[in-house]
């Protein structure tokens, strides 16, 4: 359904000056509304690490997991892990991104995206890869940010060893700019984490 809006000749001339190519007045108005609402005008830039897209895809086929750091027009960032278990040699990498983690990018206000290959766990005692990945997503830190922090994991348990939650205690000497990104971190540098994050 369409509606008619009455505007003055002066306003129409103003819209005409903002037209790009063969834009209709409606297209100009929609573009202006998108700007006011903080929606990006063009597709977000994609930055791959490693930078060579072919090498990125090769490594992703091996690890099946990448970190997706989404920067939004409102200045916030969102960090997700993309499980690319169905990606194959013949898959279109960018097509999978646009239909997967970046679907509805305009509505989400996505401006820029950094994609990094996440390391595979070694599946040996003492390997912290899985915990680092899980805590990075929980705290909305990049894998590298989380990996740079030193901390101890303790549990809040019942007398019969039923774990209620985990307590992450960060040590003094960690980068304060990274710690500042962790919502809910106490002034004594500890935070509770649900058992589902690490189990």
N, C-alpha and C. Protein backbone atom coordinates (compact mmCIF):
# COMPACT_ATOMS: atom_id res chain seq x y z
N UNK A 1 0.84 -1.17 0.00
CA UNK A 1 0.00 0.00 0.00
C UNK A 1 0.89 1.24 0.00
N UNK A 2 0.56 2.21 -0.82
CA UNK A 2 1.35 3.45 -0.86
C UNK A 2 0.49 4.61 -0.37
N UNK A 3 1.18 5.61 0.18
CA UNK A 3 0.50 6.81 0.67
C UNK A 3 1.16 8.02 0.02
N UNK A 4 0.43 9.10 -0.06
CA UNK A 4 0.93 10.33 -0.64
C UNK A 4 1.29 11.30 0.47
N UNK A 5 2.47 11.91 0.34
CA UNK A 5 2.91 12.93 1.30
C UNK A 5 3.04 14.24 0.54
N UNK A 6 2.45 15.28 1.07
CA UNK A 6 2.55 16.61 0.46
C UNK A 6 3.80 17.30 0.99
N UNK A 7 4.67 17.76 0.10
CA UNK A 7 5.84 18.54 0.51
C UNK A 7 5.92 19.79 -0.35
N UNK A 8 6.60 20.78 0.17
CA UNK A 8 6.72 22.05 -0.56
C UNK A 8 7.69 21.89 -1.72
N UNK A 9 7.62 22.82 -2.67
CA UNK A 9 8.55 22.82 -3.81
C UNK A 9 9.99 22.96 -3.32
N UNK A 10 10.16 23.73 -2.28
CA UNK A 10 11.50 23.95 -1.71
C UNK A 10 12.07 22.63 -1.17
N UNK A 11 11.25 21.87 -0.43
CA UNK A 11 11.70 20.58 0.12
C UNK A 11 11.97 19.59 -1.01
N UNK A 12 11.13 19.60 -2.04
CA UNK A 12 11.32 18.71 -3.18
C UNK A 12 12.65 19.02 -3.87
N UNK A 13 12.96 20.31 -4.04
CA UNK A 13 14.23 20.72 -4.64
C UNK A 13 15.40 20.25 -3.79
N UNK A 14 15.22 20.33 -2.48
CA UNK A 14 16.26 19.87 -1.56
C UNK A 14 16.49 18.36 -1.72
N UNK A 15 15.40 17.60 -1.83
CA UNK A 15 15.51 16.15 -2.05
C UNK A 15 16.18 15.85 -3.39
N UNK A 16 15.84 16.65 -4.41
CA UNK A 16 16.41 16.47 -5.75
C UNK A 16 17.93 16.57 -5.71
N UNK A 17 18.43 17.51 -4.91
CA UNK A 17 19.88 17.72 -4.80
C UNK A 17 20.58 16.53 -4.13
N UNK A 18 19.83 15.80 -3.31
CA UNK A 18 20.40 14.64 -2.61
C UNK A 18 20.28 13.34 -3.39
N UNK A 19 19.59 13.40 -4.53
CA UNK A 19 19.40 12.20 -5.35
C UNK A 19 20.71 11.76 -5.98
N UNK A 20 20.88 10.46 -6.06
CA UNK A 20 22.06 9.87 -6.70
C UNK A 20 21.57 9.12 -7.93
N UNK A 21 22.11 9.50 -9.09
CA UNK A 21 21.69 8.84 -10.33
C UNK A 21 20.22 9.07 -10.60
N UNK A 22 19.50 7.98 -10.76
CA UNK A 22 18.07 8.06 -11.07
C UNK A 22 17.22 7.77 -9.83
N UNK A 23 17.69 8.16 -8.66
CA UNK A 23 16.93 7.96 -7.42
C UNK A 23 15.55 8.59 -7.51
N UNK A 24 14.58 7.88 -7.02
CA UNK A 24 13.24 8.45 -6.87
C UNK A 24 13.22 9.24 -5.57
N UNK A 25 12.26 10.15 -5.40
CA UNK A 25 12.16 10.85 -4.12
C UNK A 25 12.05 9.88 -2.94
N UNK A 26 11.33 8.77 -3.14
CA UNK A 26 11.20 7.79 -2.06
C UNK A 26 12.55 7.18 -1.71
N UNK A 27 13.38 6.87 -2.71
CA UNK A 27 14.70 6.28 -2.46
C UNK A 27 15.56 7.24 -1.64
N UNK A 28 15.47 8.54 -1.95
CA UNK A 28 16.24 9.54 -1.21
C UNK A 28 15.76 9.59 0.24
N UNK A 29 14.44 9.60 0.44
CA UNK A 29 13.88 9.65 1.79
C UNK A 29 14.28 8.40 2.59
N UNK A 30 14.21 7.23 1.97
CA UNK A 30 14.59 5.99 2.65
C UNK A 30 16.06 6.02 3.05
N UNK A 31 16.93 6.50 2.15
CA UNK A 31 18.36 6.60 2.47
C UNK A 31 18.59 7.54 3.65
N UNK A 32 17.88 8.68 3.67
CA UNK A 32 18.01 9.63 4.78
C UNK A 32 17.50 9.02 6.09
N UNK A 33 16.40 8.30 6.03
CA UNK A 33 15.87 7.64 7.23
C UNK A 33 16.85 6.59 7.75
N UNK A 34 17.46 5.84 6.84
CA UNK A 34 18.45 4.84 7.24
C UNK A 34 19.62 5.49 7.96
N UNK A 35 20.06 6.65 7.47
CA UNK A 35 21.17 7.35 8.12
C UNK A 35 20.78 7.80 9.53
N UNK A 36 19.57 8.34 9.66
CA UNK A 36 19.10 8.80 10.97
C UNK A 36 18.97 7.63 11.94
N UNK A 37 18.53 6.48 11.44
CA UNK A 37 18.35 5.29 12.28
C UNK A 37 19.65 4.53 12.50
N UNK A 38 20.74 5.01 11.92
CA UNK A 38 22.02 4.35 12.11
C UNK A 38 22.21 3.10 11.28
N UNK A 39 21.52 3.00 10.16
CA UNK A 39 21.68 1.84 9.28
C UNK A 39 22.73 2.18 8.22
N UNK A 40 23.65 1.27 7.97
CA UNK A 40 24.68 1.53 6.96
C UNK A 40 24.09 1.59 5.56
N UNK A 41 24.74 2.40 4.70
CA UNK A 41 24.26 2.54 3.33
C UNK A 41 24.80 1.46 2.41
N UNK A 42 26.00 0.99 2.69
CA UNK A 42 26.61 0.01 1.80
C UNK A 42 26.98 -1.24 2.60
N UNK A 43 27.24 -2.32 1.85
CA UNK A 43 27.61 -3.58 2.50
C UNK A 43 28.83 -3.37 3.38
N UNK A 44 28.88 -4.08 4.50
CA UNK A 44 30.04 -3.96 5.39
C UNK A 44 31.32 -4.45 4.71
N UNK A 45 32.44 -3.86 5.11
CA UNK A 45 33.72 -4.36 4.61
C UNK A 45 34.07 -5.63 5.37
N UNK A 46 34.64 -6.60 4.65
CA UNK A 46 35.05 -7.87 5.25
C UNK A 46 36.57 -7.93 5.28
N UNK A 47 37.13 -8.16 6.45
CA UNK A 47 38.58 -8.28 6.60
C UNK A 47 38.89 -9.70 7.07
N UNK A 48 39.66 -10.41 6.25
CA UNK A 48 40.00 -11.80 6.56
C UNK A 48 41.40 -11.88 7.17
N UNK A 49 41.56 -12.75 8.17
CA UNK A 49 42.86 -13.03 8.78
C UNK A 49 43.03 -14.53 8.83
N UNK A 50 43.92 -15.14 8.02
CA UNK A 50 44.87 -14.48 7.13
C UNK A 50 44.17 -13.71 6.01
N UNK A 51 44.88 -12.67 5.51
CA UNK A 51 44.30 -11.74 4.54
C UNK A 51 43.94 -12.38 3.21
N UNK A 52 44.73 -13.36 2.78
CA UNK A 52 44.45 -14.04 1.51
C UNK A 52 43.19 -14.89 1.69
N UNK A 53 42.14 -14.53 0.95
CA UNK A 53 40.84 -15.19 1.10
C UNK A 53 40.91 -16.69 0.79
N UNK A 54 41.73 -17.07 -0.18
CA UNK A 54 41.88 -18.49 -0.54
C UNK A 54 42.51 -19.25 0.63
N UNK A 55 43.54 -18.65 1.23
CA UNK A 55 44.20 -19.27 2.39
C UNK A 55 43.26 -19.31 3.59
N UNK A 56 42.48 -18.25 3.78
CA UNK A 56 41.49 -18.22 4.86
C UNK A 56 40.52 -19.40 4.71
N UNK A 57 40.01 -19.58 3.50
CA UNK A 57 39.05 -20.67 3.26
C UNK A 57 39.71 -22.03 3.48
N UNK A 58 40.96 -22.18 3.03
CA UNK A 58 41.67 -23.45 3.22
C UNK A 58 41.78 -23.78 4.70
N UNK A 59 42.17 -22.78 5.50
CA UNK A 59 42.30 -23.01 6.95
C UNK A 59 40.95 -23.26 7.60
N UNK A 60 39.92 -22.55 7.13
CA UNK A 60 38.57 -22.74 7.68
C UNK A 60 38.05 -24.15 7.39
N UNK A 61 38.38 -24.67 6.22
CA UNK A 61 37.98 -26.04 5.89
C UNK A 61 38.63 -27.04 6.84
N UNK A 62 39.82 -26.68 7.34
CA UNK A 62 40.54 -27.55 8.27
C UNK A 62 39.99 -27.41 9.69
N UNK A 63 39.84 -26.18 10.18
CA UNK A 63 39.43 -25.97 11.57
C UNK A 63 37.92 -25.97 11.76
N UNK A 64 37.18 -25.60 10.70
CA UNK A 64 35.70 -25.53 10.72
C UNK A 64 35.15 -24.48 11.68
N UNK A 65 36.00 -23.54 12.12
CA UNK A 65 35.50 -22.52 13.04
C UNK A 65 36.28 -21.22 12.86
N UNK A 66 35.52 -20.12 12.79
CA UNK A 66 36.14 -18.81 12.65
C UNK A 66 35.49 -17.84 13.63
N UNK A 67 36.27 -16.86 14.02
CA UNK A 67 35.75 -15.80 14.87
C UNK A 67 35.22 -14.68 13.98
N UNK A 68 34.02 -14.21 14.28
CA UNK A 68 33.39 -13.14 13.52
C UNK A 68 33.22 -11.95 14.47
N UNK A 69 33.99 -10.89 14.22
CA UNK A 69 33.88 -9.68 15.04
C UNK A 69 33.12 -8.65 14.22
N UNK A 70 31.92 -8.33 14.68
CA UNK A 70 31.02 -7.43 13.96
C UNK A 70 31.06 -6.05 14.61
N UNK A 71 31.40 -5.05 13.81
CA UNK A 71 31.40 -3.66 14.28
C UNK A 71 30.16 -2.98 13.73
N UNK A 72 29.42 -2.31 14.61
CA UNK A 72 28.15 -1.71 14.21
C UNK A 72 28.26 -0.19 14.13
N UNK A 73 27.31 0.42 13.41
CA UNK A 73 27.33 1.87 13.22
C UNK A 73 27.15 2.62 14.54
N UNK A 74 26.58 1.97 15.56
CA UNK A 74 26.40 2.65 16.85
C UNK A 74 27.66 2.60 17.71
N UNK A 75 28.76 2.03 17.15
CA UNK A 75 30.03 1.98 17.87
C UNK A 75 30.24 0.71 18.67
N UNK A 76 29.24 -0.15 18.76
CA UNK A 76 29.38 -1.39 19.53
C UNK A 76 30.00 -2.48 18.66
N UNK A 77 30.43 -3.54 19.32
CA UNK A 77 30.92 -4.70 18.57
C UNK A 77 30.29 -5.95 19.16
N UNK A 78 30.19 -6.96 18.33
CA UNK A 78 29.59 -8.24 18.73
C UNK A 78 30.52 -9.33 18.24
N UNK A 79 30.79 -10.30 19.10
CA UNK A 79 31.72 -11.37 18.74
C UNK A 79 30.99 -12.71 18.77
N UNK A 80 31.09 -13.43 17.66
CA UNK A 80 30.48 -14.75 17.54
C UNK A 80 31.51 -15.72 16.98
N UNK A 81 31.26 -16.99 17.18
CA UNK A 81 32.07 -18.02 16.55
C UNK A 81 31.22 -18.69 15.49
N UNK A 82 31.73 -18.69 14.26
CA UNK A 82 31.01 -19.27 13.12
C UNK A 82 31.44 -20.71 12.96
N UNK A 83 30.52 -21.63 13.19
CA UNK A 83 30.78 -23.06 12.99
C UNK A 83 30.49 -23.36 11.52
N UNK A 84 31.54 -23.56 10.76
CA UNK A 84 31.40 -23.76 9.31
C UNK A 84 31.52 -25.23 8.96
N UNK A 85 30.83 -26.07 9.70
CA UNK A 85 30.96 -27.52 9.53
C UNK A 85 30.46 -28.01 8.17
N UNK A 86 29.57 -27.24 7.53
CA UNK A 86 29.03 -27.69 6.23
C UNK A 86 29.76 -27.05 5.05
N UNK A 87 30.75 -26.24 5.32
CA UNK A 87 31.52 -25.60 4.25
C UNK A 87 32.35 -26.66 3.53
N UNK A 88 32.39 -26.58 2.20
CA UNK A 88 33.18 -27.52 1.41
C UNK A 88 34.05 -26.74 0.44
N UNK A 89 34.93 -27.47 -0.27
CA UNK A 89 35.81 -26.83 -1.27
C UNK A 89 35.03 -26.05 -2.31
N UNK A 90 33.86 -26.56 -2.68
CA UNK A 90 33.07 -25.92 -3.73
C UNK A 90 32.17 -24.80 -3.20
N UNK A 91 32.13 -24.62 -1.89
CA UNK A 91 31.27 -23.59 -1.30
C UNK A 91 31.77 -22.19 -1.62
N UNK A 92 30.83 -21.27 -1.76
CA UNK A 92 31.14 -19.86 -1.94
C UNK A 92 31.28 -19.25 -0.55
N UNK A 93 32.50 -18.89 -0.16
CA UNK A 93 32.78 -18.39 1.18
C UNK A 93 31.95 -17.15 1.50
N UNK A 94 31.99 -16.16 0.61
CA UNK A 94 31.25 -14.91 0.86
C UNK A 94 29.74 -15.16 0.86
N UNK A 95 29.28 -16.02 -0.03
CA UNK A 95 27.86 -16.35 -0.07
C UNK A 95 27.40 -16.96 1.25
N UNK A 96 28.23 -17.84 1.82
CA UNK A 96 27.90 -18.44 3.11
C UNK A 96 27.88 -17.41 4.23
N UNK A 97 28.77 -16.43 4.15
CA UNK A 97 28.79 -15.38 5.17
C UNK A 97 27.55 -14.50 5.09
N UNK A 98 27.19 -14.08 3.86
CA UNK A 98 26.03 -13.19 3.70
C UNK A 98 24.73 -13.88 4.04
N UNK A 99 24.66 -15.19 3.84
CA UNK A 99 23.42 -15.90 4.16
C UNK A 99 23.45 -16.49 5.57
N UNK A 100 24.61 -16.43 6.22
CA UNK A 100 24.75 -16.96 7.57
C UNK A 100 24.91 -15.87 8.61
N UNK A 101 26.14 -15.70 9.12
CA UNK A 101 26.34 -14.75 10.22
C UNK A 101 26.01 -13.30 9.87
N UNK A 102 26.04 -12.95 8.58
CA UNK A 102 25.79 -11.55 8.20
C UNK A 102 24.41 -11.33 7.60
N UNK A 103 23.54 -12.31 7.72
CA UNK A 103 22.17 -12.15 7.21
C UNK A 103 21.53 -10.93 7.89
N UNK A 104 20.77 -10.16 7.12
CA UNK A 104 20.09 -8.95 7.61
C UNK A 104 21.08 -7.91 8.15
N UNK A 105 22.25 -7.80 7.50
CA UNK A 105 23.29 -6.90 7.96
C UNK A 105 22.81 -5.45 8.07
N UNK A 106 21.96 -5.02 7.15
CA UNK A 106 21.50 -3.63 7.17
C UNK A 106 20.64 -3.36 8.40
N UNK A 107 19.70 -4.27 8.68
CA UNK A 107 18.83 -4.10 9.85
C UNK A 107 19.62 -4.16 11.15
N UNK A 108 20.71 -4.92 11.15
CA UNK A 108 21.54 -5.05 12.35
C UNK A 108 22.54 -3.90 12.49
N UNK A 109 22.63 -3.04 11.46
CA UNK A 109 23.55 -1.90 11.52
C UNK A 109 25.01 -2.30 11.45
N UNK A 110 25.31 -3.36 10.69
CA UNK A 110 26.69 -3.85 10.60
C UNK A 110 27.48 -2.99 9.61
N UNK A 111 28.63 -2.50 10.07
CA UNK A 111 29.46 -1.61 9.27
C UNK A 111 30.73 -2.29 8.76
N UNK A 112 31.32 -3.13 9.62
CA UNK A 112 32.60 -3.77 9.29
C UNK A 112 32.67 -5.11 10.00
N UNK A 113 33.37 -6.07 9.38
CA UNK A 113 33.48 -7.41 9.96
C UNK A 113 34.92 -7.90 9.84
N UNK A 114 35.48 -8.37 10.95
CA UNK A 114 36.80 -9.01 10.95
C UNK A 114 36.59 -10.50 11.17
N UNK A 115 37.19 -11.31 10.30
CA UNK A 115 37.06 -12.77 10.40
C UNK A 115 38.43 -13.39 10.60
N UNK A 116 38.57 -14.18 11.66
CA UNK A 116 39.84 -14.84 11.97
C UNK A 116 39.61 -16.32 12.18
N UNK A 117 40.58 -17.11 11.75
CA UNK A 117 40.52 -18.55 11.96
C UNK A 117 40.79 -18.83 13.44
N UNK A 118 39.94 -19.65 14.05
CA UNK A 118 40.16 -20.05 15.44
C UNK A 118 40.99 -21.33 15.47
N UNK A 119 41.88 -21.45 16.45
CA UNK A 119 42.70 -22.66 16.52
C UNK A 119 41.89 -23.88 16.94
N UNK A 120 42.36 -25.03 16.50
CA UNK A 120 41.74 -26.29 16.92
C UNK A 120 42.35 -26.68 18.26
N UNK A 121 41.53 -27.26 19.12
CA UNK A 121 42.05 -27.78 20.38
C UNK A 121 42.93 -28.99 20.13
N UNK A 122 43.88 -29.21 21.03
CA UNK A 122 44.81 -30.34 20.88
C UNK A 122 44.27 -31.61 21.50
N UNK A 123 43.21 -31.50 22.30
CA UNK A 123 42.60 -32.66 22.95
C UNK A 123 43.60 -33.44 23.80
N UNK A 124 44.43 -32.69 24.52
CA UNK A 124 45.38 -33.30 25.45
C UNK A 124 45.23 -32.59 26.80
N UNK A 125 45.61 -33.25 27.89
CA UNK A 125 45.51 -32.60 29.20
C UNK A 125 46.28 -31.28 29.22
N UNK A 126 45.67 -30.27 29.82
CA UNK A 126 46.32 -28.97 29.92
C UNK A 126 46.04 -28.03 28.76
N UNK A 127 45.41 -28.53 27.70
CA UNK A 127 45.09 -27.66 26.57
C UNK A 127 43.89 -26.78 26.93
N UNK A 128 44.08 -25.47 26.87
CA UNK A 128 43.05 -24.52 27.29
C UNK A 128 42.28 -23.92 26.11
N UNK A 129 42.48 -24.44 24.90
CA UNK A 129 41.87 -23.83 23.71
C UNK A 129 40.35 -23.74 23.82
N UNK A 130 39.70 -24.84 24.18
CA UNK A 130 38.23 -24.85 24.26
C UNK A 130 37.72 -23.87 25.31
N UNK A 131 38.36 -23.82 26.47
CA UNK A 131 37.95 -22.89 27.54
C UNK A 131 38.17 -21.45 27.10
N UNK A 132 39.28 -21.18 26.44
CA UNK A 132 39.56 -19.82 25.97
C UNK A 132 38.50 -19.37 24.97
N UNK A 133 38.14 -20.26 24.04
CA UNK A 133 37.09 -19.94 23.06
C UNK A 133 35.77 -19.65 23.75
N UNK A 134 35.38 -20.53 24.67
CA UNK A 134 34.09 -20.39 25.35
C UNK A 134 34.03 -19.11 26.18
N UNK A 135 35.09 -18.82 26.91
CA UNK A 135 35.11 -17.61 27.74
C UNK A 135 35.17 -16.35 26.88
N UNK A 136 35.86 -16.42 25.75
CA UNK A 136 35.93 -15.26 24.85
C UNK A 136 34.53 -14.86 24.39
N UNK A 137 33.74 -15.84 23.97
CA UNK A 137 32.37 -15.54 23.53
C UNK A 137 31.53 -15.05 24.70
N UNK A 138 31.65 -15.70 25.85
CA UNK A 138 30.87 -15.32 27.03
C UNK A 138 31.14 -13.87 27.44
N UNK A 139 32.41 -13.46 27.38
CA UNK A 139 32.79 -12.11 27.80
C UNK A 139 32.80 -11.10 26.65
N UNK A 140 32.48 -11.58 25.43
CA UNK A 140 32.50 -10.74 24.22
C UNK A 140 33.89 -10.13 23.99
N UNK A 141 34.88 -10.98 24.12
CA UNK A 141 36.27 -10.64 23.81
C UNK A 141 36.68 -11.43 22.59
N UNK A 142 37.69 -10.93 21.88
CA UNK A 142 38.25 -11.74 20.81
C UNK A 142 39.04 -12.89 21.44
N UNK A 143 39.29 -13.92 20.64
CA UNK A 143 40.08 -15.04 21.15
C UNK A 143 41.45 -14.54 21.62
N UNK A 144 42.09 -13.68 20.81
CA UNK A 144 43.42 -13.17 21.17
C UNK A 144 43.38 -12.35 22.46
N UNK A 145 42.32 -11.55 22.65
CA UNK A 145 42.20 -10.78 23.90
C UNK A 145 42.09 -11.73 25.09
N UNK A 146 41.22 -12.73 24.98
CA UNK A 146 41.03 -13.68 26.08
C UNK A 146 42.31 -14.47 26.33
N UNK A 147 42.98 -14.87 25.26
CA UNK A 147 44.21 -15.66 25.38
C UNK A 147 45.33 -14.87 26.05
N UNK A 148 45.27 -13.55 25.97
CA UNK A 148 46.33 -12.72 26.56
C UNK A 148 46.14 -12.53 28.07
N UNK A 149 44.96 -12.88 28.59
CA UNK A 149 44.68 -12.68 30.01
C UNK A 149 45.12 -13.89 30.84
N UNK A 150 45.56 -13.61 32.07
CA UNK A 150 45.89 -14.69 33.00
C UNK A 150 44.79 -14.74 34.06
N UNK A 151 44.37 -15.95 34.37
CA UNK A 151 43.25 -16.12 35.29
C UNK A 151 43.25 -17.53 35.86
N UNK A 152 42.41 -17.70 36.86
CA UNK A 152 42.23 -19.00 37.50
C UNK A 152 40.74 -19.32 37.46
N UNK A 153 40.41 -20.58 37.24
CA UNK A 153 39.01 -21.01 37.23
C UNK A 153 38.75 -21.82 38.49
N UNK A 154 37.79 -21.36 39.28
CA UNK A 154 37.39 -22.08 40.49
C UNK A 154 35.91 -22.41 40.36
N UNK A 155 35.41 -23.26 41.22
CA UNK A 155 33.99 -23.61 41.14
C UNK A 155 33.29 -23.33 42.46
N UNK A 156 32.02 -23.01 42.35
CA UNK A 156 31.15 -22.85 43.50
C UNK A 156 30.34 -24.13 43.56
N UNK A 157 30.65 -25.00 44.54
CA UNK A 157 30.08 -26.35 44.57
C UNK A 157 29.38 -26.64 45.89
N UNK A 158 28.50 -27.64 45.84
CA UNK A 158 27.85 -28.13 47.06
C UNK A 158 28.79 -29.10 47.77
N UNK A 159 28.38 -29.55 48.96
CA UNK A 159 29.20 -30.50 49.71
C UNK A 159 29.40 -31.82 48.98
N UNK A 160 28.42 -32.17 48.13
CA UNK A 160 28.56 -33.42 47.37
C UNK A 160 29.09 -33.17 45.95
N UNK A 161 29.82 -32.07 45.78
CA UNK A 161 30.53 -31.72 44.54
C UNK A 161 29.63 -31.41 43.35
N UNK A 162 28.41 -30.98 43.60
CA UNK A 162 27.56 -30.49 42.52
C UNK A 162 27.97 -29.05 42.22
N UNK A 163 28.42 -28.80 41.00
CA UNK A 163 28.93 -27.46 40.64
C UNK A 163 27.75 -26.55 40.29
N UNK A 164 27.64 -25.44 41.04
CA UNK A 164 26.59 -24.45 40.78
C UNK A 164 27.00 -23.49 39.67
N UNK A 165 28.22 -23.03 39.73
CA UNK A 165 28.76 -22.12 38.72
C UNK A 165 30.28 -22.07 38.86
N UNK A 166 30.91 -21.45 37.86
CA UNK A 166 32.36 -21.27 37.91
C UNK A 166 32.67 -19.81 38.26
N UNK A 167 33.81 -19.62 38.89
CA UNK A 167 34.28 -18.28 39.23
C UNK A 167 35.60 -18.08 38.49
N UNK A 168 35.63 -17.05 37.66
CA UNK A 168 36.86 -16.72 36.94
C UNK A 168 37.52 -15.58 37.68
N UNK A 169 38.70 -15.83 38.21
CA UNK A 169 39.46 -14.81 38.94
C UNK A 169 40.64 -14.37 38.08
N UNK A 170 40.60 -13.13 37.63
CA UNK A 170 41.69 -12.59 36.82
C UNK A 170 42.79 -12.08 37.74
N UNK A 171 44.04 -12.25 37.30
CA UNK A 171 45.18 -11.81 38.10
C UNK A 171 45.46 -10.34 37.85
N UNK A 172 46.10 -9.71 38.83
CA UNK A 172 46.59 -8.34 38.64
C UNK A 172 47.64 -8.38 37.54
N UNK A 173 47.79 -7.29 36.83
CA UNK A 173 48.79 -7.23 35.77
C UNK A 173 48.22 -7.47 34.39
N UNK A 174 46.94 -7.88 34.30
CA UNK A 174 46.29 -8.02 33.00
C UNK A 174 46.02 -6.63 32.41
N UNK A 175 45.89 -6.58 31.10
CA UNK A 175 45.62 -5.32 30.40
C UNK A 175 44.27 -4.76 30.86
N UNK A 176 44.27 -3.59 31.53
CA UNK A 176 43.01 -3.04 32.04
C UNK A 176 42.01 -2.68 30.94
N UNK A 177 42.51 -2.35 29.74
CA UNK A 177 41.59 -2.00 28.65
C UNK A 177 40.80 -3.23 28.17
N UNK A 178 41.40 -4.41 28.29
CA UNK A 178 40.68 -5.65 27.93
C UNK A 178 39.70 -6.01 29.05
N UNK A 179 40.16 -5.93 30.29
CA UNK A 179 39.29 -6.25 31.43
C UNK A 179 38.07 -5.34 31.46
N UNK A 180 38.23 -4.09 31.03
CA UNK A 180 37.12 -3.12 31.03
C UNK A 180 35.99 -3.53 30.09
N UNK A 181 36.28 -4.41 29.13
CA UNK A 181 35.27 -4.86 28.18
C UNK A 181 34.37 -5.96 28.75
N UNK A 182 34.73 -6.51 29.90
CA UNK A 182 33.98 -7.62 30.49
C UNK A 182 32.87 -7.06 31.37
N UNK A 183 31.63 -7.19 30.91
CA UNK A 183 30.48 -6.72 31.68
C UNK A 183 30.28 -7.58 32.92
N UNK A 184 30.13 -6.94 34.07
CA UNK A 184 29.87 -7.67 35.31
C UNK A 184 31.10 -8.06 36.08
N UNK A 185 32.29 -7.66 35.61
CA UNK A 185 33.52 -7.99 36.33
C UNK A 185 33.58 -7.17 37.62
N UNK A 186 33.80 -7.84 38.74
CA UNK A 186 33.85 -7.14 40.03
C UNK A 186 35.13 -6.32 40.14
N UNK A 187 35.14 -5.39 41.07
CA UNK A 187 36.34 -4.57 41.28
C UNK A 187 37.51 -5.42 41.76
N UNK A 188 37.21 -6.62 42.28
CA UNK A 188 38.27 -7.54 42.72
C UNK A 188 38.67 -8.52 41.61
N UNK A 189 38.22 -8.20 40.39
CA UNK A 189 38.60 -8.92 39.17
C UNK A 189 38.10 -10.37 39.10
N UNK A 190 36.91 -10.64 39.62
CA UNK A 190 36.31 -11.96 39.46
C UNK A 190 34.91 -11.81 38.87
N UNK A 191 34.45 -12.89 38.26
CA UNK A 191 33.12 -12.92 37.67
C UNK A 191 32.59 -14.35 37.69
N UNK A 192 31.29 -14.49 37.93
CA UNK A 192 30.65 -15.81 37.90
C UNK A 192 30.30 -16.18 36.47
N UNK A 193 30.44 -17.45 36.16
CA UNK A 193 30.11 -17.96 34.83
C UNK A 193 29.25 -19.21 35.00
N UNK A 194 28.19 -19.31 34.23
CA UNK A 194 27.29 -20.46 34.28
C UNK A 194 28.05 -21.73 33.88
N UNK A 195 27.64 -22.85 34.46
CA UNK A 195 28.31 -24.12 34.15
C UNK A 195 28.20 -24.49 32.68
N UNK A 196 27.13 -24.05 32.01
CA UNK A 196 26.94 -24.40 30.60
C UNK A 196 28.04 -23.82 29.70
N UNK A 197 28.72 -22.79 30.17
CA UNK A 197 29.76 -22.15 29.36
C UNK A 197 30.99 -23.06 29.23
N UNK A 198 31.35 -23.72 30.31
CA UNK A 198 32.60 -24.49 30.33
C UNK A 198 32.41 -26.01 30.37
N UNK A 199 31.20 -26.49 30.55
CA UNK A 199 30.99 -27.95 30.61
C UNK A 199 30.68 -28.53 29.26
